[in-house]
């Protein structure tokens, strides 16, 4: 019952409350990124959701589009803006995904939505992560986030799918707040972005 009905109510309640509570930060971040990224405060990217249905995820744009003399994008570390670095450090770059939750593409809690090109690389068991909506946070995120291997992340994702409940979602939300405050597992060691998944 929770998975098919009450989880949506939980999502809408938390998303609305979060947007109202964090609206001043949302507005200030949007204005700051507008000037830092030449009028482009948001980053849109295609991601697979429930049943592998593709949707557009919304995030704050933390990196600019600067290129080298050969017209190639500079490295992630070179393009990460000062305000973008702060937003990533505080996980506020994920804030616009509350809009994805309101639109029904995402849930507050669930496996993180990854890149479409990863879909053919999953094992049959790993594909089970798409039996629920992707989340802003999830069981893998409160158990290591970017500091753990892809294999561990997928194991946590599938475990969540098999054990989904209101109490588990509530626990994950509270643990997420704790992780954000403690700034744990933001990036893989030595990297600005997470290393790409290359298959099993």
C-alpha atoms as a PDB file:
ATOM      1  CA  UNK A   1       0.000   0.000   0.000  1.00  0.00           C
ATOM      2  CA  UNK A   2       2.774   2.433   0.889  1.00  0.00           C
ATOM      3  CA  UNK A   3       4.751   1.778  -2.310  1.00  0.00           C
ATOM      4  CA  UNK A   4       1.725   2.157  -4.598  1.00  0.00           C
ATOM      5  CA  UNK A   5      -0.100   5.056  -2.879  1.00  0.00           C
ATOM      6  CA  UNK A   6       1.238   6.639   0.308  1.00  0.00           C
ATOM      7  CA  UNK A   7       4.794   7.026  -0.990  1.00  0.00           C
ATOM      8  CA  UNK A   8       3.514   9.592  -3.503  1.00  0.00           C
ATOM      9  CA  UNK A   9       1.826  11.530  -0.696  1.00  0.00           C
ATOM     10  CA  UNK A  10       5.084  11.391   1.274  1.00  0.00           C
ATOM     11  CA  UNK A  11       6.976  12.691  -1.779  1.00  0.00           C
ATOM     12  CA  UNK A  12       4.603  15.607  -2.386  1.00  0.00           C
ATOM     13  CA  UNK A  13       4.575  16.587   1.281  1.00  0.00           C
ATOM     14  CA  UNK A  14       8.364  16.593   1.651  1.00  0.00           C
ATOM     15  CA  UNK A  15       8.934  18.277  -1.746  1.00  0.00           C
ATOM     16  CA  UNK A  16       6.478  21.107  -1.046  1.00  0.00           C
ATOM     17  CA  UNK A  17       7.815  21.629   2.471  1.00  0.00           C
ATOM     18  CA  UNK A  18      11.393  21.571   1.190  1.00  0.00           C
ATOM     19  CA  UNK A  19      10.763  24.094  -1.587  1.00  0.00           C
ATOM     20  CA  UNK A  20       9.019  26.512   0.785  1.00  0.00           C
ATOM     21  CA  UNK A  21      11.645  26.148   3.509  1.00  0.00           C
ATOM     22  CA  UNK A  22      14.593  26.417   1.136  1.00  0.00           C
ATOM     23  CA  UNK A  23      13.117  28.964  -1.294  1.00  0.00           C
ATOM     24  CA  UNK A  24      15.487  31.781  -0.181  1.00  0.00           C
ATOM     25  CA  UNK A  25      18.505  29.536  -0.872  1.00  0.00           C
ATOM     26  CA  UNK A  26      16.945  28.405  -4.164  1.00  0.00           C
ATOM     27  CA  UNK A  27      16.509  32.011  -5.311  1.00  0.00           C
ATOM     28  CA  UNK A  28      19.979  33.150  -4.222  1.00  0.00           C
ATOM     29  CA  UNK A  29      21.642  30.121  -5.847  1.00  0.00           C
ATOM     30  CA  UNK A  30      19.732  30.706  -9.083  1.00  0.00           C
ATOM     31  CA  UNK A  31      20.812  34.366  -9.208  1.00  0.00           C
ATOM     32  CA  UNK A  32      24.437  33.513  -8.366  1.00  0.00           C
ATOM     33  CA  UNK A  33      24.648  30.782 -10.989  1.00  0.00           C
ATOM     34  CA  UNK A  34      22.929  32.987 -13.575  1.00  0.00           C
ATOM     35  CA  UNK A  35      25.906  35.341 -13.447  1.00  0.00           C
ATOM     36  CA  UNK A  36      28.541  32.605 -12.963  1.00  0.00           C
ATOM     37  CA  UNK A  37      27.328  30.575 -15.965  1.00  0.00           C
ATOM     38  CA  UNK A  38      26.421  33.254 -18.492  1.00  0.00           C
ATOM     39  CA  UNK A  39      22.675  33.108 -17.872  1.00  0.00           C
ATOM     40  CA  UNK A  40      22.437  29.332 -17.385  1.00  0.00           C
ATOM     41  CA  UNK A  41      21.709  28.536 -13.706  1.00  0.00           C
ATOM     42  CA  UNK A  42      20.250  25.094 -14.369  1.00  0.00           C
ATOM     43  CA  UNK A  43      21.632  21.862 -15.811  1.00  0.00           C
ATOM     44  CA  UNK A  44      19.308  19.453 -17.625  1.00  0.00           C
ATOM     45  CA  UNK A  45      20.197  15.874 -18.508  1.00  0.00           C
ATOM     46  CA  UNK A  46      18.311  12.810 -19.686  1.00  0.00           C
ATOM     47  CA  UNK A  47      18.080  10.005 -17.113  1.00  0.00           C
ATOM     48  CA  UNK A  48      16.152   6.694 -16.969  1.00  0.00           C
ATOM     49  CA  UNK A  49      13.468   6.492 -14.308  1.00  0.00           C
ATOM     50  CA  UNK A  50      10.743   4.040 -13.362  1.00  0.00           C
ATOM     51  CA  UNK A  51      10.628   1.149 -15.854  1.00  0.00           C
ATOM     52  CA  UNK A  52      13.599   2.809 -17.637  1.00  0.00           C
ATOM     53  CA  UNK A  53      11.382   5.661 -18.878  1.00  0.00           C
ATOM     54  CA  UNK A  54      13.588   8.606 -19.860  1.00  0.00           C
ATOM     55  CA  UNK A  55      13.023  11.998 -18.209  1.00  0.00           C
ATOM     56  CA  UNK A  56      14.951  15.268 -17.819  1.00  0.00           C
ATOM     57  CA  UNK A  57      16.629  15.700 -14.458  1.00  0.00           C
ATOM     58  CA  UNK A  58      17.083  19.258 -13.148  1.00  0.00           C
ATOM     59  CA  UNK A  59      20.154  20.313 -11.172  1.00  0.00           C
ATOM     60  CA  UNK A  60      21.951  23.536 -10.453  1.00  0.00           C
ATOM     61  CA  UNK A  61      24.693  24.052 -13.038  1.00  0.00           C
ATOM     62  CA  UNK A  62      27.896  23.907 -10.995  1.00  0.00           C
ATOM     63  CA  UNK A  63      30.365  23.950 -13.914  1.00  0.00           C
ATOM     64  CA  UNK A  64      30.753  26.563 -16.637  1.00  0.00           C
ATOM     65  CA  UNK A  65      31.246  25.802 -20.354  1.00  0.00           C
ATOM     66  CA  UNK A  66      34.780  27.150 -20.773  1.00  0.00           C
ATOM     67  CA  UNK A  67      36.852  25.549 -23.551  1.00  0.00           C
ATOM     68  CA  UNK A  68      40.507  25.365 -24.523  1.00  0.00           C
ATOM     69  CA  UNK A  69      42.114  26.726 -27.718  1.00  0.00           C
ATOM     70  CA  UNK A  70      41.006  23.569 -29.586  1.00  0.00           C
ATOM     71  CA  UNK A  71      37.379  24.235 -28.582  1.00  0.00           C
ATOM     72  CA  UNK A  72      37.335  21.276 -26.181  1.00  0.00           C
ATOM     73  CA  UNK A  73      35.737  21.593 -22.772  1.00  0.00           C
ATOM     74  CA  UNK A  74      38.217  22.088 -19.964  1.00  0.00           C
ATOM     75  CA  UNK A  75      38.416  19.435 -17.221  1.00  0.00           C
ATOM     76  CA  UNK A  76      35.668  19.234 -14.614  1.00  0.00           C
ATOM     77  CA  UNK A  77      37.961  20.650 -11.937  1.00  0.00           C
ATOM     78  CA  UNK A  78      38.806  23.677 -14.096  1.00  0.00           C
ATOM     79  CA  UNK A  79      35.165  24.383 -14.953  1.00  0.00           C
ATOM     80  CA  UNK A  80      33.807  24.049 -11.406  1.00  0.00           C
ATOM     81  CA  UNK A  81      32.807  27.558 -10.313  1.00  0.00           C
ATOM     82  CA  UNK A  82      33.248  28.905  -6.781  1.00  0.00           C
ATOM     83  CA  UNK A  83      29.520  28.966  -6.122  1.00  0.00           C
ATOM     84  CA  UNK A  84      29.235  25.556  -7.789  1.00  0.00           C
ATOM     85  CA  UNK A  85      31.860  24.135  -5.458  1.00  0.00           C
ATOM     86  CA  UNK A  86      29.902  25.437  -2.463  1.00  0.00           C
ATOM     87  CA  UNK A  87      26.630  23.985  -3.759  1.00  0.00           C
ATOM     88  CA  UNK A  88      28.235  20.579  -4.294  1.00  0.00           C
ATOM     89  CA  UNK A  89      29.920  20.649  -0.907  1.00  0.00           C
ATOM     90  CA  UNK A  90      26.557  21.297   0.759  1.00  0.00           C
ATOM     91  CA  UNK A  91      24.619  19.027  -1.686  1.00  0.00           C
ATOM     92  CA  UNK A  92      22.408  22.013  -2.566  1.00  0.00           C
ATOM     93  CA  UNK A  93      23.071  21.364  -6.263  1.00  0.00           C
ATOM     94  CA  UNK A  94      20.428  18.617  -5.963  1.00  0.00           C
ATOM     95  CA  UNK A  95      17.756  21.062  -4.722  1.00  0.00           C
ATOM     96  CA  UNK A  96      16.016  21.624  -8.121  1.00  0.00           C
ATOM     97  CA  UNK A  97      15.221  17.894  -8.236  1.00  0.00           C
ATOM     98  CA  UNK A  98      12.364  18.669  -5.852  1.00  0.00           C
ATOM     99  CA  UNK A  99      10.670  19.933  -9.030  1.00  0.00           C
ATOM    100  CA  UNK A 100      11.228  16.509 -10.607  1.00  0.00           C
ATOM    101  CA  UNK A 101       9.494  15.013  -7.562  1.00  0.00           C
ATOM    102  CA  UNK A 102       6.499  17.336  -7.969  1.00  0.00           C
ATOM    103  CA  UNK A 103       6.280  16.393 -11.653  1.00  0.00           C
ATOM    104  CA  UNK A 104       6.222  12.702 -10.706  1.00  0.00           C
ATOM    105  CA  UNK A 105       9.465  11.689 -12.418  1.00  0.00           C
ATOM    106  CA  UNK A 106      11.335  11.149  -9.157  1.00  0.00           C
ATOM    107  CA  UNK A 107      10.778  10.283  -5.524  1.00  0.00           C
ATOM    108  CA  UNK A 108      12.395  11.770  -2.441  1.00  0.00           C
ATOM    109  CA  UNK A 109      13.937   8.366  -1.690  1.00  0.00           C
ATOM    110  CA  UNK A 110      14.990   5.780  -4.257  1.00  0.00           C
ATOM    111  CA  UNK A 111      17.978   4.621  -6.322  1.00  0.00           C
ATOM    112  CA  UNK A 112      19.809   7.589  -7.819  1.00  0.00           C
ATOM    113  CA  UNK A 113      18.999   8.123 -11.530  1.00  0.00           C
ATOM    114  CA  UNK A 114      22.094   7.345 -13.583  1.00  0.00           C
ATOM    115  CA  UNK A 115      23.012   7.845 -17.246  1.00  0.00           C
ATOM    116  CA  UNK A 116      21.002   6.169 -20.064  1.00  0.00           C
ATOM    117  CA  UNK A 117      24.187   4.670 -21.515  1.00  0.00           C
ATOM    118  CA  UNK A 118      24.554   2.529 -18.393  1.00  0.00           C
ATOM    119  CA  UNK A 119      21.319   0.627 -19.090  1.00  0.00           C
ATOM    120  CA  UNK A 120      22.861  -2.082 -21.339  1.00  0.00           C
ATOM    121  CA  UNK A 121      25.653  -2.620 -18.803  1.00  0.00           C
ATOM    122  CA  UNK A 122      23.462  -3.727 -15.898  1.00  0.00           C
ATOM    123  CA  UNK A 123      23.190  -7.335 -14.808  1.00  0.00           C
ATOM    124  CA  UNK A 124      19.623  -8.751 -14.526  1.00  0.00           C
ATOM    125  CA  UNK A 125      19.717  -8.177 -10.770  1.00  0.00           C
ATOM    126  CA  UNK A 126      20.964  -4.593 -11.117  1.00  0.00           C
ATOM    127  CA  UNK A 127      18.106  -3.782 -13.494  1.00  0.00           C
ATOM    128  CA  UNK A 128      15.721  -4.238 -10.568  1.00  0.00           C
ATOM    129  CA  UNK A 129      16.679  -0.738  -9.417  1.00  0.00           C
ATOM    130  CA  UNK A 130      14.304   0.556 -12.095  1.00  0.00           C
ATOM    131  CA  UNK A 131      11.254  -1.090 -10.509  1.00  0.00           C
ATOM    132  CA  UNK A 132      10.771   2.045  -8.380  1.00  0.00           C
ATOM    133  CA  UNK A 133      11.124   5.752  -9.121  1.00  0.00           C
ATOM    134  CA  UNK A 134      14.637   7.139  -8.774  1.00  0.00           C
ATOM    135  CA  UNK A 135      15.259   9.323  -5.740  1.00  0.00           C
ATOM    136  CA  UNK A 136      17.034  12.485  -4.696  1.00  0.00           C
ATOM    137  CA  UNK A 137      18.616  10.371  -1.990  1.00  0.00           C
ATOM    138  CA  UNK A 138      18.699   6.644  -1.350  1.00  0.00           C
ATOM    139  CA  UNK A 139      19.994   3.720   0.689  1.00  0.00           C
ATOM    140  CA  UNK A 140      23.303   3.764  -1.203  1.00  0.00           C
ATOM    141  CA  UNK A 141      23.720   7.496  -0.531  1.00  0.00           C
ATOM    142  CA  UNK A 142      23.481   7.093   3.248  1.00  0.00           C
ATOM    143  CA  UNK A 143      25.797   4.068   3.144  1.00  0.00           C
ATOM    144  CA  UNK A 144      28.772   5.608   1.423  1.00  0.00           C
ATOM    145  CA  UNK A 145      27.469   7.681  -1.482  1.00  0.00           C
ATOM    146  CA  UNK A 146      30.366   8.357  -3.907  1.00  0.00           C
ATOM    147  CA  UNK A 147      32.927   6.773  -1.568  1.00  0.00           C
ATOM    148  CA  UNK A 148      31.797   3.197  -2.354  1.00  0.00           C
ATOM    149  CA  UNK A 149      32.100   1.024  -5.473  1.00  0.00           C
ATOM    150  CA  UNK A 150      29.476   0.743  -8.174  1.00  0.00           C
ATOM    151  CA  UNK A 151      28.863  -2.876  -7.169  1.00  0.00           C
ATOM    152  CA  UNK A 152      28.100  -1.815  -3.591  1.00  0.00           C
ATOM    153  CA  UNK A 153      25.814   0.984  -4.782  1.00  0.00           C
ATOM    154  CA  UNK A 154      23.766  -1.404  -6.909  1.00  0.00           C
ATOM    155  CA  UNK A 155      23.506  -3.914  -4.077  1.00  0.00           C
ATOM    156  CA  UNK A 156      22.140  -1.188  -1.810  1.00  0.00           C
ATOM    157  CA  UNK A 157      19.738  -0.033  -4.543  1.00  0.00           C
ATOM    158  CA  UNK A 158      18.275  -3.510  -5.056  1.00  0.00           C
ATOM    159  CA  UNK A 159      18.041  -4.055  -1.299  1.00  0.00           C
ATOM    160  CA  UNK A 160      16.002  -0.869  -1.055  1.00  0.00           C
ATOM    161  CA  UNK A 161      13.635  -2.027  -3.808  1.00  0.00           C
ATOM    162  CA  UNK A 162      13.039  -5.266  -1.894  1.00  0.00           C
ATOM    163  CA  UNK A 163      12.562  -3.577   1.486  1.00  0.00           C
ATOM    164  CA  UNK A 164      10.816  -0.298   0.688  1.00  0.00           C
ATOM    165  CA  UNK A 165       8.647   1.096   3.519  1.00  0.00           C
ATOM    166  CA  UNK A 166       7.617   4.377   5.112  1.00  0.00           C
ATOM    167  CA  UNK A 167       9.905   3.885   8.110  1.00  0.00           C
ATOM    168  CA  UNK A 168      12.857   3.087   5.845  1.00  0.00           C
ATOM    169  CA  UNK A 169      12.218   6.218   3.764  1.00  0.00           C
ATOM    170  CA  UNK A 170      11.981   8.304   6.919  1.00  0.00           C
ATOM    171  CA  UNK A 171      15.248   6.813   8.199  1.00  0.00           C
ATOM    172  CA  UNK A 172      17.002   7.561   4.908  1.00  0.00           C
ATOM    173  CA  UNK A 173      15.787  11.182   4.908  1.00  0.00           C
ATOM    174  CA  UNK A 174      17.122  11.766   8.430  1.00  0.00           C
ATOM    175  CA  UNK A 175      20.421  10.015   7.654  1.00  0.00           C
ATOM    176  CA  UNK A 176      20.738  12.134   4.504  1.00  0.00           C
ATOM    177  CA  UNK A 177      20.395  15.338   6.512  1.00  0.00           C
ATOM    178  CA  UNK A 178      23.103  14.042   8.846  1.00  0.00           C
ATOM    179  CA  UNK A 179      25.376  13.136   5.913  1.00  0.00           C
ATOM    180  CA  UNK A 180      24.933  16.584   4.354  1.00  0.00           C
ATOM    181  CA  UNK A 181      25.746  18.335   7.637  1.00  0.00           C
ATOM    182  CA  UNK A 182      28.809  16.123   8.151  1.00  0.00           C
ATOM    183  CA  UNK A 183      29.758  16.483   4.448  1.00  0.00           C
ATOM    184  CA  UNK A 184      30.424  12.765   4.103  1.00  0.00           C
ATOM    185  CA  UNK A 185      31.010  10.942   0.799  1.00  0.00           C
ATOM    186  CA  UNK A 186      30.483  13.957  -1.460  1.00  0.00           C
ATOM    187  CA  UNK A 187      32.963  12.824  -4.120  1.00  0.00           C
ATOM    188  CA  UNK A 188      35.129   9.838  -4.850  1.00  0.00           C
ATOM    189  CA  UNK A 189      38.653  10.353  -3.574  1.00  0.00           C
ATOM    190  CA  UNK A 190      40.645  12.663  -5.862  1.00  0.00           C
ATOM    191  CA  UNK A 191      37.746  13.339  -8.228  1.00  0.00           C
ATOM    192  CA  UNK A 192      35.324  16.204  -8.855  1.00  0.00           C
ATOM    193  CA  UNK A 193      32.770  13.869 -10.392  1.00  0.00           C
ATOM    194  CA  UNK A 194      32.092  10.182  -9.839  1.00  0.00           C
ATOM    195  CA  UNK A 195      34.004   7.701 -11.989  1.00  0.00           C
ATOM    196  CA  UNK A 196      31.903   6.364 -14.868  1.00  0.00           C
ATOM    197  CA  UNK A 197      30.339   2.905 -14.628  1.00  0.00           C
ATOM    198  CA  UNK A 198      31.943   0.594 -17.193  1.00  0.00           C
ATOM    199  CA  UNK A 199      30.011  -2.598 -16.590  1.00  0.00           C
ATOM    200  CA  UNK A 200      30.470  -5.619 -14.384  1.00  0.00           C
END
